[in-house]
Amino acid sequence: MERENKKSFESSLKSIETENFLDRIFYRPVGYRIALLLSKTPITPNVVTIISIFVGVFAGILLYYQNIYINLIGFALLVVANILDCVDGQLARLTGIKSAAGRILDGLAGDLWFISIYISIALRLSADASHSFTWIIVSLAGVSNLIQANVADFYKTAHLYFISPQKGAEFDTVAGVKAKHAAMPKGISKFLYLLYIYYTMLQAKVTPEMQNVLTRLSEKYGKDIPEDIRLKLRALSLNMMPLFNITTFNGRSLAMLAGILFQNLWIYLFFEITVLNIVLFIAMNKYERSCKKLEV
């Protein structure tokens, strides 16, 4: 029974290899239990995603107040929103209810949380510091967050592709995304997929050596990459995962908690702009240099 439960839990994940420490011991196990309960109801993954958006945006609003207790409630709600963000994906994998629009909506959810967070922080801090300076710093933090999340998502999705074509089914090139968009009927899904085109273009722009490797692999093997090459790429990617994991939600949320406890949200902004960007630069530089040396 225990083995069956473990197998069921792992089937709800994209891959245990792309999950960081907090995800493995807290977010994913909690998310799995909720997803199991919801799998027996009519509630769909997209409904869970939409609920997470409302919870996360409200959490951000609570950071505006200079009151540690209200801020801690906001942080707790942000944790709830992130649990729900895990639930939607795990529910989708348990039930097989998946869609391109769902993946894009899932990506937008986190962006909307942090837009709320950064606006609230800017309004709060601009009361005590230069208005223009505050908004410049907060904007830099917001752009940094967007780039970090985008790049980390690219490398994690690439890692899934290196594990197997089935695990990496969501991994696609700019040309592939554009072709899918052109074939879609008009509607909200097509509009959301247009945003995904720009998302994918940014990923391709900042990973030139990885793109070269992927192009060579595609030209030489199509989607049937030999297992020895796949294992080589998987090992390279796995070594980089701990660094990319720092730049995701869990890394920045710990800095946010520190800022709340000290009632100084400049701590969070400093961490976002300096520490996380340095970590991202180191990870990308190591990965790109390794890709440049690869013979495939």
C-alpha atoms as a PDB file:
ATOM      1  CA  MET A   1       0.000   0.000   0.000  1.00  0.00           C
ATOM      2  CA  GLU A   2       2.803   2.411   0.920  1.00  0.00           C
ATOM      3  CA  ARG A   3       4.540   1.690  -2.394  1.00  0.00           C
ATOM      4  CA  GLU A   4       1.287   2.338  -4.286  1.00  0.00           C
ATOM      5  CA  ASN A   5       0.788   5.645  -2.448  1.00  0.00           C
ATOM      6  CA  LYS A   6       4.334   6.715  -3.289  1.00  0.00           C
ATOM      7  CA  LYS A   7       3.803   5.795  -6.941  1.00  0.00           C
ATOM      8  CA  SER A   8       0.532   7.743  -7.007  1.00  0.00           C
ATOM      9  CA  PHE A   9       2.215  10.764  -5.383  1.00  0.00           C
ATOM     10  CA  GLU A  10       5.094  10.735  -7.872  1.00  0.00           C
ATOM     11  CA  SER A  11       2.642  10.420 -10.773  1.00  0.00           C
ATOM     12  CA  SER A  12       1.146  13.742  -9.637  1.00  0.00           C
ATOM     13  CA  LEU A  13       4.529  15.457 -10.102  1.00  0.00           C
ATOM     14  CA  LYS A  14       6.237  16.477 -13.306  1.00  0.00           C
ATOM     15  CA  SER A  15       9.435  15.000 -11.861  1.00  0.00           C
ATOM     16  CA  ILE A  16      10.903  14.721  -8.371  1.00  0.00           C
ATOM     17  CA  GLU A  17      14.190  15.927  -9.895  1.00  0.00           C
ATOM     18  CA  THR A  18      12.843  19.431 -10.549  1.00  0.00           C
ATOM     19  CA  GLU A  19      11.303  19.853  -7.081  1.00  0.00           C
ATOM     20  CA  ASN A  20      13.264  21.731  -4.431  1.00  0.00           C
ATOM     21  CA  PHE A  21      13.516  20.884  -0.734  1.00  0.00           C
ATOM     22  CA  LEU A  22      10.451  22.788   0.519  1.00  0.00           C
ATOM     23  CA  ASP A  23       8.358  21.478  -2.360  1.00  0.00           C
ATOM     24  CA  ARG A  24       9.300  17.894  -1.558  1.00  0.00           C
ATOM     25  CA  ILE A  25       8.658  18.040   2.186  1.00  0.00           C
ATOM     26  CA  PHE A  26       5.716  20.471   2.317  1.00  0.00           C
ATOM     27  CA  TYR A  27       4.054  21.994  -0.748  1.00  0.00           C
ATOM     28  CA  ARG A  28       3.808  18.889  -2.925  1.00  0.00           C
ATOM     29  CA  PRO A  29       2.671  16.426  -0.211  1.00  0.00           C
ATOM     30  CA  VAL A  30      -0.019  18.870   0.981  1.00  0.00           C
ATOM     31  CA  GLY A  31      -0.993  19.651  -2.609  1.00  0.00           C
ATOM     32  CA  TYR A  32      -1.227  15.949  -3.411  1.00  0.00           C
ATOM     33  CA  ARG A  33      -3.670  15.273  -0.572  1.00  0.00           C
ATOM     34  CA  ILE A  34      -5.887  18.167  -1.651  1.00  0.00           C
ATOM     35  CA  ALA A  35      -5.667  17.087  -5.312  1.00  0.00           C
ATOM     36  CA  LEU A  36      -6.739  13.555  -4.352  1.00  0.00           C
ATOM     37  CA  LEU A  37      -9.826  14.933  -2.615  1.00  0.00           C
ATOM     38  CA  LEU A  38     -10.665  17.263  -5.511  1.00  0.00           C
ATOM     39  CA  SER A  39     -10.212  14.490  -8.088  1.00  0.00           C
ATOM     40  CA  LYS A  40     -13.481  13.026  -6.770  1.00  0.00           C
ATOM     41  CA  THR A  41     -15.360  16.296  -7.382  1.00  0.00           C
ATOM     42  CA  PRO A  42     -16.323  18.328 -10.501  1.00  0.00           C
ATOM     43  CA  ILE A  43     -13.705  20.973  -9.610  1.00  0.00           C
ATOM     44  CA  THR A  44     -11.211  21.384 -12.467  1.00  0.00           C
ATOM     45  CA  PRO A  45      -7.544  22.468 -12.357  1.00  0.00           C
ATOM     46  CA  ASN A  46      -8.426  25.826 -13.944  1.00  0.00           C
ATOM     47  CA  VAL A  47     -10.928  26.548 -11.162  1.00  0.00           C
ATOM     48  CA  VAL A  48      -8.182  25.890  -8.595  1.00  0.00           C
ATOM     49  CA  THR A  49      -5.837  28.210 -10.511  1.00  0.00           C
ATOM     50  CA  ILE A  50      -8.409  31.019 -10.531  1.00  0.00           C
ATOM     51  CA  ILE A  51      -8.960  30.619  -6.768  1.00  0.00           C
ATOM     52  CA  SER A  52      -5.178  30.785  -6.252  1.00  0.00           C
ATOM     53  CA  ILE A  53      -5.106  34.074  -8.179  1.00  0.00           C
ATOM     54  CA  PHE A  54      -7.668  35.690  -5.863  1.00  0.00           C
ATOM     55  CA  VAL A  55      -5.929  34.359  -2.742  1.00  0.00           C
ATOM     56  CA  GLY A  56      -2.467  35.438  -3.938  1.00  0.00           C
ATOM     57  CA  VAL A  57      -3.577  38.919  -5.019  1.00  0.00           C
ATOM     58  CA  PHE A  58      -5.328  39.480  -1.669  1.00  0.00           C
ATOM     59  CA  ALA A  59      -2.178  38.275   0.104  1.00  0.00           C
ATOM     60  CA  GLY A  60      -0.192  40.926  -1.758  1.00  0.00           C
ATOM     61  CA  ILE A  61      -2.625  43.670  -0.739  1.00  0.00           C
ATOM     62  CA  LEU A  62      -2.073  42.816   2.942  1.00  0.00           C
ATOM     63  CA  LEU A  63       1.626  43.680   2.582  1.00  0.00           C
ATOM     64  CA  TYR A  64       0.657  47.340   2.141  1.00  0.00           C
ATOM     65  CA  TYR A  65      -0.142  47.714   5.851  1.00  0.00           C
ATOM     66  CA  GLN A  66       2.657  48.500   8.304  1.00  0.00           C
ATOM     67  CA  ASN A  67       1.416  45.924  10.765  1.00  0.00           C
ATOM     68  CA  ILE A  68       3.351  42.717  11.322  1.00  0.00           C
ATOM     69  CA  TYR A  69       0.245  40.665  12.148  1.00  0.00           C
ATOM     70  CA  ILE A  70      -1.610  41.721   8.998  1.00  0.00           C
ATOM     71  CA  ASN A  71       1.586  41.097   7.001  1.00  0.00           C
ATOM     72  CA  LEU A  72       1.958  37.604   8.480  1.00  0.00           C
ATOM     73  CA  ILE A  73      -1.650  36.828   7.535  1.00  0.00           C
ATOM     74  CA  GLY A  74      -0.769  38.003   4.025  1.00  0.00           C
ATOM     75  CA  PHE A  75       2.281  35.739   3.980  1.00  0.00           C
ATOM     76  CA  ALA A  76       0.192  32.789   5.205  1.00  0.00           C
ATOM     77  CA  LEU A  77      -2.295  33.433   2.390  1.00  0.00           C
ATOM     78  CA  LEU A  78       0.584  33.547  -0.086  1.00  0.00           C
ATOM     79  CA  VAL A  79       1.643  30.103   1.157  1.00  0.00           C
ATOM     80  CA  VAL A  80      -1.963  28.929   0.639  1.00  0.00           C
ATOM     81  CA  ALA A  81      -1.913  30.377  -2.890  1.00  0.00           C
ATOM     82  CA  ASN A  82       1.293  28.485  -3.629  1.00  0.00           C
ATOM     83  CA  ILE A  83      -0.216  25.261  -2.284  1.00  0.00           C
ATOM     84  CA  LEU A  84      -3.152  25.789  -4.649  1.00  0.00           C
ATOM     85  CA  ASP A  85      -0.652  26.432  -7.445  1.00  0.00           C
ATOM     86  CA  CYS A  86       0.734  22.966  -6.723  1.00  0.00           C
ATOM     87  CA  VAL A  87      -2.758  21.479  -6.490  1.00  0.00           C
ATOM     88  CA  ASP A  88      -3.856  22.593  -9.966  1.00  0.00           C
ATOM     89  CA  GLY A  89      -0.948  20.863 -11.692  1.00  0.00           C
ATOM     90  CA  GLN A  90      -1.161  17.743  -9.548  1.00  0.00           C
ATOM     91  CA  LEU A  91      -4.922  17.568 -10.095  1.00  0.00           C
ATOM     92  CA  ALA A  92      -4.391  17.916 -13.850  1.00  0.00           C
ATOM     93  CA  ARG A  93      -1.944  15.013 -13.866  1.00  0.00           C
ATOM     94  CA  LEU A  94      -4.144  12.816 -11.655  1.00  0.00           C
ATOM     95  CA  THR A  95      -7.296  13.421 -13.726  1.00  0.00           C
ATOM     96  CA  GLY A  96      -5.779  13.952 -17.179  1.00  0.00           C
ATOM     97  CA  ILE A  97      -7.600  17.304 -17.490  1.00  0.00           C
ATOM     98  CA  LYS A  98      -4.981  19.410 -19.270  1.00  0.00           C
ATOM     99  CA  SER A  99      -5.030  22.280 -21.762  1.00  0.00           C
ATOM    100  CA  ALA A 100      -2.682  24.858 -23.265  1.00  0.00           C
ATOM    101  CA  ALA A 101      -4.836  27.620 -21.773  1.00  0.00           C
ATOM    102  CA  GLY A 102      -4.539  25.965 -18.364  1.00  0.00           C
ATOM    103  CA  ARG A 103      -0.753  25.958 -18.503  1.00  0.00           C
ATOM    104  CA  ILE A 104      -0.678  29.631 -19.498  1.00  0.00           C
ATOM    105  CA  LEU A 105      -3.228  30.574 -16.831  1.00  0.00           C
ATOM    106  CA  ASP A 106      -1.116  28.715 -14.288  1.00  0.00           C
ATOM    107  CA  GLY A 107       1.927  30.762 -15.314  1.00  0.00           C
ATOM    108  CA  LEU A 108      -0.031  34.027 -15.153  1.00  0.00           C
ATOM    109  CA  ALA A 109      -1.256  33.252 -11.632  1.00  0.00           C
ATOM    110  CA  GLY A 110       2.143  33.760 -10.014  1.00  0.00           C
ATOM    111  CA  ASP A 111       2.727  36.915 -12.057  1.00  0.00           C
ATOM    112  CA  LEU A 112      -0.558  38.388 -10.821  1.00  0.00           C
ATOM    113  CA  TRP A 113       0.297  37.586  -7.195  1.00  0.00           C
ATOM    114  CA  PHE A 114       3.591  39.392  -7.456  1.00  0.00           C
ATOM    115  CA  ILE A 115       2.159  42.373  -9.344  1.00  0.00           C
ATOM    116  CA  SER A 116      -0.122  42.835  -6.339  1.00  0.00           C
ATOM    117  CA  ILE A 117       2.811  42.342  -3.970  1.00  0.00           C
ATOM    118  CA  TYR A 118       5.090  44.848  -5.706  1.00  0.00           C
ATOM    119  CA  ILE A 119       2.410  47.527  -6.041  1.00  0.00           C
ATOM    120  CA  SER A 120       1.572  47.153  -2.336  1.00  0.00           C
ATOM    121  CA  ILE A 121       5.238  47.324  -1.340  1.00  0.00           C
ATOM    122  CA  ALA A 122       5.795  50.394  -3.538  1.00  0.00           C
ATOM    123  CA  LEU A 123       2.811  52.228  -2.046  1.00  0.00           C
ATOM    124  CA  ARG A 124       3.928  51.309   1.467  1.00  0.00           C
ATOM    125  CA  LEU A 125       7.574  52.303   1.071  1.00  0.00           C
ATOM    126  CA  SER A 126       6.949  55.468  -0.939  1.00  0.00           C
ATOM    127  CA  ALA A 127       5.346  56.999   2.164  1.00  0.00           C
ATOM    128  CA  ASP A 128       8.734  56.943   3.922  1.00  0.00           C
ATOM    129  CA  ALA A 129      11.180  57.360   1.016  1.00  0.00           C
ATOM    130  CA  SER A 130      11.496  59.182  -2.291  1.00  0.00           C
ATOM    131  CA  HIS A 131       8.441  58.300  -4.379  1.00  0.00           C
ATOM    132  CA  SER A 132      10.371  58.042  -7.658  1.00  0.00           C
ATOM    133  CA  PHE A 133      13.283  56.102  -6.142  1.00  0.00           C
ATOM    134  CA  THR A 134      10.925  53.603  -4.508  1.00  0.00           C
ATOM    135  CA  TRP A 135       9.009  52.895  -7.706  1.00  0.00           C
ATOM    136  CA  ILE A 136      12.250  52.496  -9.682  1.00  0.00           C
ATOM    137  CA  ILE A 137      13.597  49.939  -7.183  1.00  0.00           C
ATOM    138  CA  VAL A 138      10.286  48.085  -6.977  1.00  0.00           C
ATOM    139  CA  SER A 139      10.046  48.018 -10.781  1.00  0.00           C
ATOM    140  CA  LEU A 140      13.569  46.577 -10.986  1.00  0.00           C
ATOM    141  CA  ALA A 141      12.565  43.901  -8.480  1.00  0.00           C
ATOM    142  CA  GLY A 142       9.421  43.108 -10.463  1.00  0.00           C
ATOM    143  CA  VAL A 143      11.273  42.795 -13.766  1.00  0.00           C
ATOM    144  CA  SER A 144      13.939  40.667 -12.046  1.00  0.00           C
ATOM    145  CA  ASN A 145      11.229  38.399 -10.668  1.00  0.00           C
ATOM    146  CA  LEU A 146       9.634  38.003 -14.106  1.00  0.00           C
ATOM    147  CA  ILE A 147      12.937  37.140 -15.808  1.00  0.00           C
ATOM    148  CA  GLN A 148      14.039  34.760 -13.050  1.00  0.00           C
ATOM    149  CA  ALA A 149      10.734  32.873 -13.111  1.00  0.00           C
ATOM    150  CA  ASN A 150      10.760  32.734 -16.914  1.00  0.00           C
ATOM    151  CA  VAL A 151      14.306  31.407 -17.201  1.00  0.00           C
ATOM    152  CA  ALA A 152      13.954  28.917 -14.336  1.00  0.00           C
ATOM    153  CA  ASP A 153      10.756  27.584 -15.932  1.00  0.00           C
ATOM    154  CA  PHE A 154      12.566  27.134 -19.248  1.00  0.00           C
ATOM    155  CA  TYR A 155      15.441  25.140 -17.775  1.00  0.00           C
ATOM    156  CA  LYS A 156      13.115  23.022 -15.628  1.00  0.00           C
ATOM    157  CA  THR A 157      10.886  22.226 -18.612  1.00  0.00           C
ATOM    158  CA  ALA A 158      13.995  21.420 -20.662  1.00  0.00           C
ATOM    159  CA  HIS A 159      15.111  19.046 -17.911  1.00  0.00           C
ATOM    160  CA  LEU A 160      11.783  17.227 -18.150  1.00  0.00           C
ATOM    161  CA  TYR A 161      12.318  16.915 -21.904  1.00  0.00           C
ATOM    162  CA  PHE A 162      15.754  15.391 -21.289  1.00  0.00           C
ATOM    163  CA  ILE A 163      14.182  12.836 -18.940  1.00  0.00           C
ATOM    164  CA  SER A 164      11.720  11.707 -21.623  1.00  0.00           C
ATOM    165  CA  PRO A 165       9.551  13.129 -24.432  1.00  0.00           C
ATOM    166  CA  GLN A 166       6.478  12.254 -22.360  1.00  0.00           C
ATOM    167  CA  LYS A 167       7.678  14.172 -19.285  1.00  0.00           C
ATOM    168  CA  GLY A 168       8.719  17.089 -21.465  1.00  0.00           C
ATOM    169  CA  ALA A 169       5.580  17.214 -23.598  1.00  0.00           C
ATOM    170  CA  GLU A 170       5.122  20.919 -22.733  1.00  0.00           C
ATOM    171  CA  PHE A 171       8.626  21.806 -23.946  1.00  0.00           C
ATOM    172  CA  ASP A 172       8.498  23.528 -27.327  1.00  0.00           C
ATOM    173  CA  THR A 173      10.399  25.900 -29.607  1.00  0.00           C
ATOM    174  CA  VAL A 174       9.278  29.389 -30.608  1.00  0.00           C
ATOM    175  CA  ALA A 175       8.406  28.070 -34.076  1.00  0.00           C
ATOM    176  CA  GLY A 176       6.374  25.241 -32.558  1.00  0.00           C
ATOM    177  CA  VAL A 177       4.467  27.599 -30.258  1.00  0.00           C
ATOM    178  CA  LYS A 178       3.719  29.968 -33.168  1.00  0.00           C
ATOM    179  CA  ALA A 179       2.454  27.069 -35.292  1.00  0.00           C
ATOM    180  CA  LYS A 180       0.127  25.898 -32.517  1.00  0.00           C
ATOM    181  CA  HIS A 181      -1.141  29.453 -32.039  1.00  0.00           C
ATOM    182  CA  ALA A 182      -1.886  29.823 -35.766  1.00  0.00           C
ATOM    183  CA  ALA A 183      -3.898  26.592 -35.751  1.00  0.00           C
ATOM    184  CA  MET A 184      -6.046  27.567 -32.761  1.00  0.00           C
ATOM    185  CA  PRO A 185      -9.602  28.911 -33.229  1.00  0.00           C
ATOM    186  CA  LYS A 186     -10.260  32.483 -32.129  1.00  0.00           C
ATOM    187  CA  GLY A 187     -11.079  32.913 -28.467  1.00  0.00           C
ATOM    188  CA  ILE A 188      -9.586  33.351 -25.008  1.00  0.00           C
ATOM    189  CA  SER A 189      -7.287  30.334 -25.433  1.00  0.00           C
ATOM    190  CA  LYS A 190      -5.752  31.844 -28.573  1.00  0.00           C
ATOM    191  CA  PHE A 191      -5.259  35.192 -26.819  1.00  0.00           C
ATOM    192  CA  LEU A 192      -3.558  33.535 -23.846  1.00  0.00           C
ATOM    193  CA  TYR A 193      -1.372  31.525 -26.206  1.00  0.00           C
ATOM    194  CA  LEU A 194      -0.258  34.779 -27.863  1.00  0.00           C
ATOM    195  CA  LEU A 195       1.186  35.805 -24.486  1.00  0.00           C
ATOM    196  CA  TYR A 196       2.925  32.430 -24.355  1.00  0.00           C
ATOM    197  CA  ILE A 197       4.645  33.191 -27.677  1.00  0.00           C
ATOM    198  CA  TYR A 198       6.347  36.241 -26.159  1.00  0.00           C
ATOM    199  CA  TYR A 199       7.139  34.234 -23.032  1.00  0.00           C
ATOM    200  CA  THR A 200       8.871  31.586 -25.166  1.00  0.00           C
ATOM    201  CA  MET A 201      10.676  34.210 -27.267  1.00  0.00           C
ATOM    202  CA  LEU A 202      12.230  35.713 -24.126  1.00  0.00           C
ATOM    203  CA  GLN A 203      13.371  32.271 -23.010  1.00  0.00           C
ATOM    204  CA  ALA A 204      15.006  31.632 -26.384  1.00  0.00           C
ATOM    205  CA  LYS A 205      16.659  35.061 -26.417  1.00  0.00           C
ATOM    206  CA  VAL A 206      18.524  34.570 -23.130  1.00  0.00           C
ATOM    207  CA  THR A 207      19.591  30.940 -23.765  1.00  0.00           C
ATOM    208  CA  PRO A 208      21.445  31.072 -27.129  1.00  0.00           C
ATOM    209  CA  GLU A 209      23.816  28.134 -26.528  1.00  0.00           C
ATOM    210  CA  MET A 210      21.013  25.912 -25.290  1.00  0.00           C
ATOM    211  CA  GLN A 211      19.012  26.877 -28.386  1.00  0.00           C
ATOM    212  CA  ASN A 212      21.975  25.865 -30.573  1.00  0.00           C
ATOM    213  CA  VAL A 213      22.111  22.458 -28.868  1.00  0.00           C
ATOM    214  CA  LEU A 214      18.368  21.965 -29.312  1.00  0.00           C
ATOM    215  CA  THR A 215      18.567  22.986 -32.975  1.00  0.00           C
ATOM    216  CA  ARG A 216      21.398  20.528 -33.674  1.00  0.00           C
ATOM    217  CA  LEU A 217      19.515  17.746 -31.885  1.00  0.00           C
ATOM    218  CA  SER A 218      16.338  18.487 -33.829  1.00  0.00           C
ATOM    219  CA  GLU A 219      18.135  18.562 -37.181  1.00  0.00           C
ATOM    220  CA  LYS A 220      20.027  15.353 -36.468  1.00  0.00           C
ATOM    221  CA  TYR A 221      17.496  13.235 -34.572  1.00  0.00           C
ATOM    222  CA  GLY A 222      14.114  14.984 -34.690  1.00  0.00           C
ATOM    223  CA  LYS A 223      12.358  14.136 -31.419  1.00  0.00           C
ATOM    224  CA  ASP A 224      14.019  10.719 -31.167  1.00  0.00           C
ATOM    225  CA  ILE A 225      17.122  11.730 -29.172  1.00  0.00           C
ATOM    226  CA  PRO A 226      19.411   8.735 -28.470  1.00  0.00           C
ATOM    227  CA  GLU A 227      19.316   7.591 -24.850  1.00  0.00           C
ATOM    228  CA  ASP A 228      23.050   8.192 -24.210  1.00  0.00           C
ATOM    229  CA  ILE A 229      22.744  11.828 -25.317  1.00  0.00           C
ATOM    230  CA  ARG A 230      19.543  12.251 -23.322  1.00  0.00           C
ATOM    231  CA  LEU A 231      21.289  10.925 -20.205  1.00  0.00           C
ATOM    232  CA  LYS A 232      24.225  13.293 -20.746  1.00  0.00           C
ATOM    233  CA  LEU A 233      21.903  16.301 -21.046  1.00  0.00           C
ATOM    234  CA  ARG A 234      19.863  15.145 -18.068  1.00  0.00           C
ATOM    235  CA  ALA A 235      22.975  14.880 -15.869  1.00  0.00           C
ATOM    236  CA  LEU A 236      24.140  18.350 -16.939  1.00  0.00           C
ATOM    237  CA  SER A 237      20.720  19.822 -16.242  1.00  0.00           C
ATOM    238  CA  LEU A 238      20.327  18.056 -12.894  1.00  0.00           C
ATOM    239  CA  ASN A 239      23.537  19.648 -11.610  1.00  0.00           C
ATOM    240  CA  MET A 240      22.061  23.091 -12.302  1.00  0.00           C
ATOM    241  CA  MET A 241      18.669  22.503 -10.657  1.00  0.00           C
ATOM    242  CA  PRO A 242      19.702  23.525  -7.091  1.00  0.00           C
ATOM    243  CA  LEU A 243      20.792  26.952  -8.349  1.00  0.00           C
ATOM    244  CA  PHE A 244      17.657  27.540 -10.419  1.00  0.00           C
ATOM    245  CA  ASN A 245      15.510  26.398  -7.484  1.00  0.00           C
ATOM    246  CA  ILE A 246      16.854  29.281  -5.388  1.00  0.00           C
ATOM    247  CA  THR A 247      15.376  31.748  -7.899  1.00  0.00           C
ATOM    248  CA  THR A 248      11.856  30.304  -7.655  1.00  0.00           C
ATOM    249  CA  PHE A 249       9.007  31.046  -5.229  1.00  0.00           C
ATOM    250  CA  ASN A 250      10.560  29.343  -2.212  1.00  0.00           C
ATOM    251  CA  GLY A 251      13.785  31.336  -2.352  1.00  0.00           C
ATOM    252  CA  ARG A 252      12.116  34.730  -2.607  1.00  0.00           C
ATOM    253  CA  SER A 253       9.340  33.859  -0.126  1.00  0.00           C
ATOM    254  CA  LEU A 254      11.905  33.227   2.629  1.00  0.00           C
ATOM    255  CA  ALA A 255      13.419  36.663   1.976  1.00  0.00           C
ATOM    256  CA  MET A 256       9.924  38.142   2.061  1.00  0.00           C
ATOM    257  CA  LEU A 257       9.268  36.493   5.432  1.00  0.00           C
ATOM    258  CA  ALA A 258      12.504  37.993   6.776  1.00  0.00           C
ATOM    259  CA  GLY A 259      11.418  41.426   5.541  1.00  0.00           C
ATOM    260  CA  ILE A 260       8.048  41.029   7.273  1.00  0.00           C
ATOM    261  CA  LEU A 261       9.538  39.855  10.573  1.00  0.00           C
ATOM    262  CA  PHE A 262      11.968  42.790  10.622  1.00  0.00           C
ATOM    263  CA  GLN A 263       9.248  45.102   9.240  1.00  0.00           C
ATOM    264  CA  ASN A 264      11.683  46.198   6.553  1.00  0.00           C
ATOM    265  CA  LEU A 265      10.625  45.144   3.052  1.00  0.00           C
ATOM    266  CA  TRP A 266      13.755  46.715   1.571  1.00  0.00           C
ATOM    267  CA  ILE A 267      15.378  43.433   2.672  1.00  0.00           C
ATOM    268  CA  TYR A 268      13.176  41.561   0.229  1.00  0.00           C
ATOM    269  CA  LEU A 269      13.786  44.019  -2.622  1.00  0.00           C
ATOM    270  CA  PHE A 270      17.558  43.897  -2.046  1.00  0.00           C
ATOM    271  CA  PHE A 271      17.492  40.091  -2.068  1.00  0.00           C
ATOM    272  CA  GLU A 272      15.413  39.991  -5.254  1.00  0.00           C
ATOM    273  CA  ILE A 273      17.534  42.467  -7.205  1.00  0.00           C
ATOM    274  CA  THR A 274      21.011  41.435  -6.043  1.00  0.00           C
ATOM    275  CA  VAL A 275      21.192  37.913  -4.616  1.00  0.00           C
ATOM    276  CA  LEU A 276      18.687  36.221  -6.932  1.00  0.00           C
ATOM    277  CA  ASN A 277      20.014  37.952 -10.052  1.00  0.00           C
ATOM    278  CA  ILE A 278      23.576  36.941  -9.153  1.00  0.00           C
ATOM    279  CA  VAL A 279      22.468  33.327  -8.595  1.00  0.00           C
ATOM    280  CA  LEU A 280      20.574  33.366 -11.902  1.00  0.00           C
ATOM    281  CA  PHE A 281      23.568  34.802 -13.759  1.00  0.00           C
ATOM    282  CA  ILE A 282      25.909  32.160 -12.305  1.00  0.00           C
ATOM    283  CA  ALA A 283      23.491  29.325 -13.133  1.00  0.00           C
ATOM    284  CA  MET A 284      22.840  30.551 -16.684  1.00  0.00           C
ATOM    285  CA  ASN A 285      26.517  31.206 -17.352  1.00  0.00           C
ATOM    286  CA  LYS A 286      27.526  27.714 -16.170  1.00  0.00           C
ATOM    287  CA  TYR A 287      24.742  26.085 -18.166  1.00  0.00           C
ATOM    288  CA  GLU A 288      25.443  28.050 -21.348  1.00  0.00           C
ATOM    289  CA  ARG A 289      29.197  27.362 -21.158  1.00  0.00           C
ATOM    290  CA  SER A 290      28.481  23.654 -20.681  1.00  0.00           C
ATOM    291  CA  CYS A 291      26.128  23.684 -23.691  1.00  0.00           C
ATOM    292  CA  LYS A 292      28.818  25.355 -25.793  1.00  0.00           C
ATOM    293  CA  LYS A 293      31.209  22.491 -25.024  1.00  0.00           C
ATOM    294  CA  LEU A 294      28.669  19.752 -25.723  1.00  0.00           C
ATOM    295  CA  GLU A 295      29.283  17.563 -28.738  1.00  0.00           C
ATOM    296  CA  VAL A 296      25.923  16.305 -29.984  1.00  0.00           C
END
